Amino acid sequence: MIEALEAGGWGLVAGSALLLGAAVGYAWRLPPWLVASIMAFGSGVLLSAVSFELVGEAYEEAGLAPAVVGTVAGAVLYTLGNEALARRGARHRKRSGRTPGGEAQPGEAQQAGSGLALALGALLDGVPESAVIGVGLTEGGAVSMATVAAVFISNVPEGLSSSAGMRKAGRGKAYVFGVWGAIAVACTVSAVLGYVVVGGLSPTVTAGVTAVAAGAILAMIADTMVPEAFQDTHLASGLITTCGFLVSFALSHA
């Protein structure tokens, strides 16, 4: 019970970064290049965490096959869910402004049901990240601080960019902070479930679950974070992403 509460506490810490980013993104009109730079940094942080904390550990725990199968399965599941939500108005949920093609987050007047799709999209993005915090507690008896730090750091730009886009689409404070508050709670529940559900499973299955989460996160980075990061930082996005990667790498090897 204590360990489950600990997992939930760390899930809440990581999820609270979404609210922090949302508050900044909604309250201040940050320059597009700054939003994109923060997103690029967060992308690098998550890429490092996926590589060393998730896929790497899944491989060490159960071998290549479960790591590969789980990662591919996670990417497929995320892609299917993302495609379904994209058709309902959540394709650009992490956009703070318009795409190069002139697209942006739609308001409810432009596409009915897009508000719910955006909320579900945020849930789809946040749950895998938080679940691995609880799963990690079952594996080592202690939460991986590198994973928590990576999720926290990456959640700030996610909430920041998305809430800025929501504001531009005409959505009010109640909707924006209601969504991110609910996602923060969902992150807490996901971390607890990651610990409770996976705790009694075999090491091979645990490794597979970790890899599934890793695949979902990788697909999310490529589909939603990298495009937003590149739009306004262009050639600098690679350098900024590398800096984020190295920060997370240093945390995981400290």
C-alpha atoms as a PDB file:
ATOM      1  CA  MET A   1       0.000   0.000   0.000  1.00  0.00           C
ATOM      2  CA  ILE A   2       2.801   2.402   0.894  1.00  0.00           C
ATOM      3  CA  GLU A   3       4.575   1.677  -2.380  1.00  0.00           C
ATOM      4  CA  ALA A   4       1.345   2.262  -4.343  1.00  0.00           C
ATOM      5  CA  LEU A   5       0.898   5.637  -2.636  1.00  0.00           C
ATOM      6  CA  GLU A   6       4.515   6.459  -3.388  1.00  0.00           C
ATOM      7  CA  ALA A   7       3.957   5.634  -7.048  1.00  0.00           C
ATOM      8  CA  GLY A   8       0.865   7.825  -7.087  1.00  0.00           C
ATOM      9  CA  GLY A   9       2.745  10.669  -5.428  1.00  0.00           C
ATOM     10  CA  TRP A  10       5.486  10.630  -8.026  1.00  0.00           C
ATOM     11  CA  GLY A  11       2.892  10.348 -10.792  1.00  0.00           C
ATOM     12  CA  LEU A  12       1.217  13.475  -9.394  1.00  0.00           C
ATOM     13  CA  VAL A  13       4.553  15.295  -9.299  1.00  0.00           C
ATOM     14  CA  ALA A  14       5.191  14.463 -12.947  1.00  0.00           C
ATOM     15  CA  GLY A  15       1.613  15.290 -13.965  1.00  0.00           C
ATOM     16  CA  SER A  16       1.645  18.617 -12.116  1.00  0.00           C
ATOM     17  CA  ALA A  17       4.193  19.839 -14.662  1.00  0.00           C
ATOM     18  CA  LEU A  18       1.372  19.840 -17.219  1.00  0.00           C
ATOM     19  CA  LEU A  19      -0.556  22.300 -15.048  1.00  0.00           C
ATOM     20  CA  LEU A  20       2.563  24.413 -14.584  1.00  0.00           C
ATOM     21  CA  GLY A  21       3.168  24.559 -18.313  1.00  0.00           C
ATOM     22  CA  ALA A  22      -0.519  25.225 -18.998  1.00  0.00           C
ATOM     23  CA  ALA A  23      -0.549  28.158 -16.582  1.00  0.00           C
ATOM     24  CA  VAL A  24       2.485  29.734 -18.262  1.00  0.00           C
ATOM     25  CA  GLY A  25       1.209  29.077 -21.774  1.00  0.00           C
ATOM     26  CA  TYR A  26      -2.254  30.450 -21.048  1.00  0.00           C
ATOM     27  CA  ALA A  27      -1.183  33.497 -19.045  1.00  0.00           C
ATOM     28  CA  TRP A  28       1.678  34.776 -21.197  1.00  0.00           C
ATOM     29  CA  ARG A  29       2.131  35.093 -24.941  1.00  0.00           C
ATOM     30  CA  LEU A  30       5.586  33.611 -25.259  1.00  0.00           C
ATOM     31  CA  PRO A  31       7.531  34.038 -28.510  1.00  0.00           C
ATOM     32  CA  PRO A  32       6.952  31.070 -30.848  1.00  0.00           C
ATOM     33  CA  TRP A  33      10.683  30.348 -31.024  1.00  0.00           C
ATOM     34  CA  LEU A  34      10.848  30.028 -27.225  1.00  0.00           C
ATOM     35  CA  VAL A  35       7.880  27.636 -27.087  1.00  0.00           C
ATOM     36  CA  ALA A  36       9.423  25.541 -29.882  1.00  0.00           C
ATOM     37  CA  SER A  37      12.822  25.536 -28.153  1.00  0.00           C
ATOM     38  CA  ILE A  38      11.308  24.286 -24.899  1.00  0.00           C
ATOM     39  CA  MET A  39       9.467  21.588 -26.852  1.00  0.00           C
ATOM     40  CA  ALA A  40      12.698  20.537 -28.591  1.00  0.00           C
ATOM     41  CA  PHE A  41      14.468  20.285 -25.226  1.00  0.00           C
ATOM     42  CA  GLY A  42      11.607  18.201 -23.798  1.00  0.00           C
ATOM     43  CA  SER A  43      11.752  15.914 -26.825  1.00  0.00           C
ATOM     44  CA  GLY A  44      15.427  15.229 -26.197  1.00  0.00           C
ATOM     45  CA  VAL A  45      14.808  14.539 -22.515  1.00  0.00           C
ATOM     46  CA  LEU A  46      12.120  11.973 -23.312  1.00  0.00           C
ATOM     47  CA  LEU A  47      14.175  10.337 -26.069  1.00  0.00           C
ATOM     48  CA  SER A  48      16.991   9.720 -23.610  1.00  0.00           C
ATOM     49  CA  ALA A  49      14.627   8.370 -20.949  1.00  0.00           C
ATOM     50  CA  VAL A  50      13.030   6.000 -23.456  1.00  0.00           C
ATOM     51  CA  SER A  51      16.424   4.771 -24.630  1.00  0.00           C
ATOM     52  CA  PHE A  52      18.170   4.197 -21.311  1.00  0.00           C
ATOM     53  CA  GLU A  53      15.407   3.926 -18.717  1.00  0.00           C
ATOM     54  CA  LEU A  54      12.733   2.020 -20.657  1.00  0.00           C
ATOM     55  CA  VAL A  55      13.839   0.103 -23.763  1.00  0.00           C
ATOM     56  CA  GLY A  56      17.291  -0.495 -22.325  1.00  0.00           C
ATOM     57  CA  GLU A  57      15.890  -1.888 -19.079  1.00  0.00           C
ATOM     58  CA  ALA A  58      13.318  -4.004 -20.920  1.00  0.00           C
ATOM     59  CA  TYR A  59      16.132  -5.545 -22.950  1.00  0.00           C
ATOM     60  CA  GLU A  60      18.275  -6.230 -19.886  1.00  0.00           C
ATOM     61  CA  GLU A  61      15.307  -7.742 -18.042  1.00  0.00           C
ATOM     62  CA  ALA A  62      13.892 -10.050 -20.719  1.00  0.00           C
ATOM     63  CA  GLY A  63      16.007  -9.921 -23.863  1.00  0.00           C
ATOM     64  CA  LEU A  64      15.609  -8.483 -27.329  1.00  0.00           C
ATOM     65  CA  ALA A  65      12.318 -10.080 -28.419  1.00  0.00           C
ATOM     66  CA  PRO A  66      10.041  -8.715 -25.634  1.00  0.00           C
ATOM     67  CA  ALA A  67      11.702  -5.308 -25.922  1.00  0.00           C
ATOM     68  CA  VAL A  68      11.180  -5.136 -29.682  1.00  0.00           C
ATOM     69  CA  VAL A  69       7.675  -6.613 -29.720  1.00  0.00           C
ATOM     70  CA  GLY A  70       6.530  -4.409 -26.847  1.00  0.00           C
ATOM     71  CA  THR A  71       7.979  -1.241 -28.348  1.00  0.00           C
ATOM     72  CA  VAL A  72       6.372  -1.884 -31.735  1.00  0.00           C
ATOM     73  CA  ALA A  73       3.060  -2.753 -30.083  1.00  0.00           C
ATOM     74  CA  GLY A  74       3.102   0.459 -28.077  1.00  0.00           C
ATOM     75  CA  ALA A  75       3.845   2.538 -31.163  1.00  0.00           C
ATOM     76  CA  VAL A  76       1.032   0.826 -33.099  1.00  0.00           C
ATOM     77  CA  LEU A  77      -1.509   1.314 -30.307  1.00  0.00           C
ATOM     78  CA  TYR A  78      -0.588   4.960 -29.891  1.00  0.00           C
ATOM     79  CA  THR A  79      -0.715   5.592 -33.643  1.00  0.00           C
ATOM     80  CA  LEU A  80      -4.162   4.022 -33.962  1.00  0.00           C
ATOM     81  CA  GLY A  81      -5.512   6.051 -31.060  1.00  0.00           C
ATOM     82  CA  ASN A  82      -3.860   9.224 -32.305  1.00  0.00           C
ATOM     83  CA  GLU A  83      -5.288   8.774 -35.799  1.00  0.00           C
ATOM     84  CA  ALA A  84      -8.795   8.254 -34.448  1.00  0.00           C
ATOM     85  CA  LEU A  85      -8.572  11.411 -32.335  1.00  0.00           C
ATOM     86  CA  ALA A  86      -6.943  13.405 -35.145  1.00  0.00           C
ATOM     87  CA  ARG A  87     -10.015  12.892 -37.309  1.00  0.00           C
ATOM     88  CA  ARG A  88     -12.093  14.455 -34.506  1.00  0.00           C
ATOM     89  CA  GLY A  89     -10.027  17.609 -34.133  1.00  0.00           C
ATOM     90  CA  ALA A  90      -7.048  16.675 -31.938  1.00  0.00           C
ATOM     91  CA  ARG A  91      -4.350  16.431 -34.626  1.00  0.00           C
ATOM     92  CA  HIS A  92      -2.637  19.670 -33.591  1.00  0.00           C
ATOM     93  CA  ARG A  93      -3.251  19.472 -29.846  1.00  0.00           C
ATOM     94  CA  LYS A  94       0.352  20.382 -28.998  1.00  0.00           C
ATOM     95  CA  ARG A  95       0.474  23.307 -31.405  1.00  0.00           C
ATOM     96  CA  SER A  96       0.822  26.738 -29.834  1.00  0.00           C
ATOM     97  CA  GLY A  97      -0.024  28.349 -33.188  1.00  0.00           C
ATOM     98  CA  ARG A  98      -0.530  27.429 -36.803  1.00  0.00           C
ATOM     99  CA  THR A  99       1.343  24.826 -38.839  1.00  0.00           C
ATOM    100  CA  PRO A 100       3.263  25.848 -41.979  1.00  0.00           C
ATOM    101  CA  GLY A 101       0.134  24.803 -43.891  1.00  0.00           C
ATOM    102  CA  GLY A 102      -2.026  27.224 -41.921  1.00  0.00           C
ATOM    103  CA  GLU A 103      -3.700  24.602 -39.690  1.00  0.00           C
ATOM    104  CA  ALA A 104      -4.239  25.081 -35.965  1.00  0.00           C
ATOM    105  CA  GLN A 105      -6.262  23.683 -33.092  1.00  0.00           C
ATOM    106  CA  PRO A 106      -9.932  24.026 -34.063  1.00  0.00           C
ATOM    107  CA  GLY A 107     -12.457  25.655 -31.783  1.00  0.00           C
ATOM    108  CA  GLU A 108     -15.754  23.972 -31.014  1.00  0.00           C
ATOM    109  CA  ALA A 109     -17.425  26.213 -33.605  1.00  0.00           C
ATOM    110  CA  GLN A 110     -15.076  24.937 -36.308  1.00  0.00           C
ATOM    111  CA  GLN A 111     -15.361  21.252 -35.371  1.00  0.00           C
ATOM    112  CA  ALA A 112     -17.961  19.997 -32.928  1.00  0.00           C
ATOM    113  CA  GLY A 113     -16.539  17.498 -30.450  1.00  0.00           C
ATOM    114  CA  SER A 114     -12.982  18.761 -30.863  1.00  0.00           C
ATOM    115  CA  GLY A 115     -12.874  19.778 -27.194  1.00  0.00           C
ATOM    116  CA  LEU A 116     -13.433  16.207 -26.044  1.00  0.00           C
ATOM    117  CA  ALA A 117     -10.960  14.936 -28.642  1.00  0.00           C
ATOM    118  CA  LEU A 118      -8.306  17.343 -27.366  1.00  0.00           C
ATOM    119  CA  ALA A 119      -8.877  16.170 -23.798  1.00  0.00           C
ATOM    120  CA  LEU A 120      -8.666  12.511 -24.806  1.00  0.00           C
ATOM    121  CA  GLY A 121      -5.554  13.264 -26.832  1.00  0.00           C
ATOM    122  CA  ALA A 122      -3.891  14.800 -23.789  1.00  0.00           C
ATOM    123  CA  LEU A 123      -4.840  11.685 -21.828  1.00  0.00           C
ATOM    124  CA  LEU A 124      -3.397   9.447 -24.567  1.00  0.00           C
ATOM    125  CA  ASP A 125      -0.117  11.368 -24.389  1.00  0.00           C
ATOM    126  CA  GLY A 126       0.161  11.451 -20.608  1.00  0.00           C
ATOM    127  CA  VAL A 127      -0.848   7.982 -19.452  1.00  0.00           C
ATOM    128  CA  PRO A 128       2.108   5.928 -20.824  1.00  0.00           C
ATOM    129  CA  GLU A 129       4.631   8.363 -19.331  1.00  0.00           C
ATOM    130  CA  SER A 130       3.107   8.099 -15.872  1.00  0.00           C
ATOM    131  CA  ALA A 131       2.470   4.361 -15.961  1.00  0.00           C
ATOM    132  CA  VAL A 132       6.184   3.618 -16.350  1.00  0.00           C
ATOM    133  CA  ILE A 133       6.861   5.443 -13.075  1.00  0.00           C
ATOM    134  CA  GLY A 134       4.790   2.859 -11.208  1.00  0.00           C
ATOM    135  CA  VAL A 135       6.189  -0.009 -13.269  1.00  0.00           C
ATOM    136  CA  GLY A 136       9.703   1.142 -12.432  1.00  0.00           C
ATOM    137  CA  LEU A 137       8.896   0.965  -8.723  1.00  0.00           C
ATOM    138  CA  THR A 138       7.985  -2.721  -9.064  1.00  0.00           C
ATOM    139  CA  GLU A 139      11.260  -3.483 -10.837  1.00  0.00           C
ATOM    140  CA  GLY A 140      13.789  -1.886  -8.538  1.00  0.00           C
ATOM    141  CA  GLY A 141      11.954  -1.205  -5.302  1.00  0.00           C
ATOM    142  CA  ALA A 142      12.513   2.520  -5.798  1.00  0.00           C
ATOM    143  CA  VAL A 143      11.215   5.056  -8.244  1.00  0.00           C
ATOM    144  CA  SER A 144      13.652   5.980 -11.002  1.00  0.00           C
ATOM    145  CA  MET A 145      14.301   9.646 -10.342  1.00  0.00           C
ATOM    146  CA  ALA A 146      15.691   9.988 -13.864  1.00  0.00           C
ATOM    147  CA  THR A 147      12.346   8.823 -15.292  1.00  0.00           C
ATOM    148  CA  VAL A 148      10.350  11.145 -13.030  1.00  0.00           C
ATOM    149  CA  ALA A 149      12.609  14.068 -13.914  1.00  0.00           C
ATOM    150  CA  ALA A 150      12.373  13.287 -17.632  1.00  0.00           C
ATOM    151  CA  VAL A 151       8.572  13.107 -17.568  1.00  0.00           C
ATOM    152  CA  PHE A 152       8.335  16.285 -15.476  1.00  0.00           C
ATOM    153  CA  ILE A 153      10.684  18.251 -17.732  1.00  0.00           C
ATOM    154  CA  SER A 154       8.933  17.093 -20.896  1.00  0.00           C
ATOM    155  CA  ASN A 155       5.450  17.752 -19.491  1.00  0.00           C
ATOM    156  CA  VAL A 156       6.123  21.462 -18.992  1.00  0.00           C
ATOM    157  CA  PRO A 157       6.469  22.263 -22.724  1.00  0.00           C
ATOM    158  CA  GLU A 158       3.592  19.912 -23.586  1.00  0.00           C
ATOM    159  CA  GLY A 159       1.211  21.782 -21.305  1.00  0.00           C
ATOM    160  CA  LEU A 160       2.656  25.154 -22.293  1.00  0.00           C
ATOM    161  CA  SER A 161       2.344  24.742 -26.043  1.00  0.00           C
ATOM    162  CA  SER A 162      -1.014  23.001 -26.004  1.00  0.00           C
ATOM    163  CA  SER A 163      -2.676  25.494 -23.654  1.00  0.00           C
ATOM    164  CA  ALA A 164      -1.412  28.401 -25.775  1.00  0.00           C
ATOM    165  CA  GLY A 165      -3.064  26.750 -28.783  1.00  0.00           C
ATOM    166  CA  MET A 166      -6.266  26.176 -26.805  1.00  0.00           C
ATOM    167  CA  ARG A 167      -6.394  29.843 -25.859  1.00  0.00           C
ATOM    168  CA  LYS A 168      -5.969  30.897 -29.494  1.00  0.00           C
ATOM    169  CA  ALA A 169      -8.774  28.492 -30.458  1.00  0.00           C
ATOM    170  CA  GLY A 170     -11.082  30.409 -28.105  1.00  0.00           C
ATOM    171  CA  ARG A 171     -11.252  27.936 -25.228  1.00  0.00           C
ATOM    172  CA  GLY A 172     -11.730  29.431 -21.775  1.00  0.00           C
ATOM    173  CA  LYS A 173      -9.805  29.022 -18.538  1.00  0.00           C
ATOM    174  CA  ALA A 174     -12.298  26.518 -17.127  1.00  0.00           C
ATOM    175  CA  TYR A 175     -11.801  24.186 -20.077  1.00  0.00           C
ATOM    176  CA  VAL A 176      -8.000  24.540 -20.257  1.00  0.00           C
ATOM    177  CA  PHE A 177      -7.279  24.061 -16.575  1.00  0.00           C
ATOM    178  CA  GLY A 178     -10.057  21.516 -16.202  1.00  0.00           C
ATOM    179  CA  VAL A 179      -8.409  19.388 -18.881  1.00  0.00           C
ATOM    180  CA  TRP A 180      -4.907  19.634 -17.447  1.00  0.00           C
ATOM    181  CA  GLY A 181      -6.102  19.177 -13.878  1.00  0.00           C
ATOM    182  CA  ALA A 182      -7.934  16.007 -14.914  1.00  0.00           C
ATOM    183  CA  ILE A 183      -4.847  14.772 -16.785  1.00  0.00           C
ATOM    184  CA  ALA A 184      -2.691  15.394 -13.700  1.00  0.00           C
ATOM    185  CA  VAL A 185      -5.107  13.226 -11.692  1.00  0.00           C
ATOM    186  CA  ALA A 186      -5.060  10.601 -14.463  1.00  0.00           C
ATOM    187  CA  CYS A 187      -1.259  10.585 -14.312  1.00  0.00           C
ATOM    188  CA  THR A 188      -1.472   9.838 -10.595  1.00  0.00           C
ATOM    189  CA  VAL A 189      -3.910   6.978 -11.172  1.00  0.00           C
ATOM    190  CA  SER A 190      -1.802   5.629 -14.051  1.00  0.00           C
ATOM    191  CA  ALA A 191       1.298   5.486 -11.867  1.00  0.00           C
ATOM    192  CA  VAL A 192      -0.630   3.616  -9.158  1.00  0.00           C
ATOM    193  CA  LEU A 193      -2.070   1.164 -11.691  1.00  0.00           C
ATOM    194  CA  GLY A 194       1.369   0.689 -13.205  1.00  0.00           C
ATOM    195  CA  TYR A 195       2.574  -0.465  -9.803  1.00  0.00           C
ATOM    196  CA  VAL A 196      -0.491  -2.467  -8.717  1.00  0.00           C
ATOM    197  CA  VAL A 197      -1.273  -4.228 -12.002  1.00  0.00           C
ATOM    198  CA  VAL A 198       2.290  -5.010 -13.057  1.00  0.00           C
ATOM    199  CA  GLY A 199       3.601  -5.765  -9.575  1.00  0.00           C
ATOM    200  CA  GLY A 200       2.591  -9.429  -9.579  1.00  0.00           C
ATOM    201  CA  LEU A 201       3.592 -10.216 -13.154  1.00  0.00           C
ATOM    202  CA  SER A 202       6.659 -12.075 -14.359  1.00  0.00           C
ATOM    203  CA  PRO A 203       9.825 -10.155 -15.295  1.00  0.00           C
ATOM    204  CA  THR A 204       9.231 -10.918 -18.974  1.00  0.00           C
ATOM    205  CA  VAL A 205       5.726  -9.467 -18.908  1.00  0.00           C
ATOM    206  CA  THR A 206       6.919  -6.461 -16.890  1.00  0.00           C
ATOM    207  CA  ALA A 207       9.619  -5.824 -19.464  1.00  0.00           C
ATOM    208  CA  GLY A 208       7.030  -6.106 -22.225  1.00  0.00           C
ATOM    209  CA  VAL A 209       4.735  -3.582 -20.518  1.00  0.00           C
ATOM    210  CA  THR A 210       7.659  -1.184 -20.086  1.00  0.00           C
ATOM    211  CA  ALA A 211       8.501  -1.547 -23.772  1.00  0.00           C
ATOM    212  CA  VAL A 212       4.866  -0.912 -24.774  1.00  0.00           C
ATOM    213  CA  ALA A 213       4.947   2.370 -22.863  1.00  0.00           C
ATOM    214  CA  ALA A 214       8.282   3.206 -24.482  1.00  0.00           C
ATOM    215  CA  GLY A 215       6.877   2.608 -27.957  1.00  0.00           C
ATOM    216  CA  ALA A 216       3.865   4.816 -27.244  1.00  0.00           C
ATOM    217  CA  ILE A 217       6.109   7.610 -25.974  1.00  0.00           C
ATOM    218  CA  LEU A 218       8.410   7.346 -29.003  1.00  0.00           C
ATOM    219  CA  ALA A 219       5.452   7.596 -31.368  1.00  0.00           C
ATOM    220  CA  MET A 220       4.112  10.577 -29.408  1.00  0.00           C
ATOM    221  CA  ILE A 221       7.454  12.385 -29.638  1.00  0.00           C
ATOM    222  CA  ALA A 222       7.655  11.877 -33.396  1.00  0.00           C
ATOM    223  CA  ASP A 223       3.989  12.668 -34.111  1.00  0.00           C
ATOM    224  CA  THR A 224       3.324  15.644 -31.845  1.00  0.00           C
ATOM    225  CA  MET A 225       6.437  17.089 -30.189  1.00  0.00           C
ATOM    226  CA  VAL A 226       9.084  17.103 -32.922  1.00  0.00           C
ATOM    227  CA  PRO A 227       6.886  18.845 -35.538  1.00  0.00           C
ATOM    228  CA  GLU A 228       6.049  21.630 -33.071  1.00  0.00           C
ATOM    229  CA  ALA A 229       9.713  21.926 -32.078  1.00  0.00           C
ATOM    230  CA  PHE A 230      10.985  22.147 -35.656  1.00  0.00           C
ATOM    231  CA  GLN A 231       8.402  24.649 -36.888  1.00  0.00           C
ATOM    232  CA  ASP A 232      10.000  27.697 -35.266  1.00  0.00           C
ATOM    233  CA  THR A 233      13.509  26.548 -34.301  1.00  0.00           C
ATOM    234  CA  HIS A 234      14.319  24.933 -37.668  1.00  0.00           C
ATOM    235  CA  LEU A 235      17.985  23.931 -37.826  1.00  0.00           C
ATOM    236  CA  ALA A 236      18.520  24.761 -34.147  1.00  0.00           C
ATOM    237  CA  SER A 237      16.019  22.076 -33.098  1.00  0.00           C
ATOM    238  CA  GLY A 238      18.598  19.311 -33.464  1.00  0.00           C
ATOM    239  CA  LEU A 239      21.077  21.059 -31.182  1.00  0.00           C
ATOM    240  CA  ILE A 240      18.444  21.883 -28.565  1.00  0.00           C
ATOM    241  CA  THR A 241      17.089  18.326 -28.656  1.00  0.00           C
ATOM    242  CA  THR A 242      20.620  16.996 -28.180  1.00  0.00           C
ATOM    243  CA  CYS A 243      21.044  19.202 -25.100  1.00  0.00           C
ATOM    244  CA  GLY A 244      17.834  17.779 -23.630  1.00  0.00           C
ATOM    245  CA  PHE A 245      19.011  14.257 -24.417  1.00  0.00           C
ATOM    246  CA  LEU A 246      22.313  14.827 -22.605  1.00  0.00           C
ATOM    247  CA  VAL A 247      20.641  16.341 -19.544  1.00  0.00           C
ATOM    248  CA  SER A 248      18.427  13.275 -19.194  1.00  0.00           C
ATOM    249  CA  PHE A 249      21.387  10.973 -19.887  1.00  0.00           C
ATOM    250  CA  ALA A 250      23.347  12.639 -17.090  1.00  0.00           C
ATOM    251  CA  LEU A 251      20.409  12.229 -14.705  1.00  0.00           C
ATOM    252  CA  SER A 252      20.057   8.535 -15.502  1.00  0.00           C
ATOM    253  CA  HIS A 253      23.775   7.914 -14.921  1.00  0.00           C
ATOM    254  CA  ALA A 254      24.285  10.128 -11.896  1.00  0.00           C
END
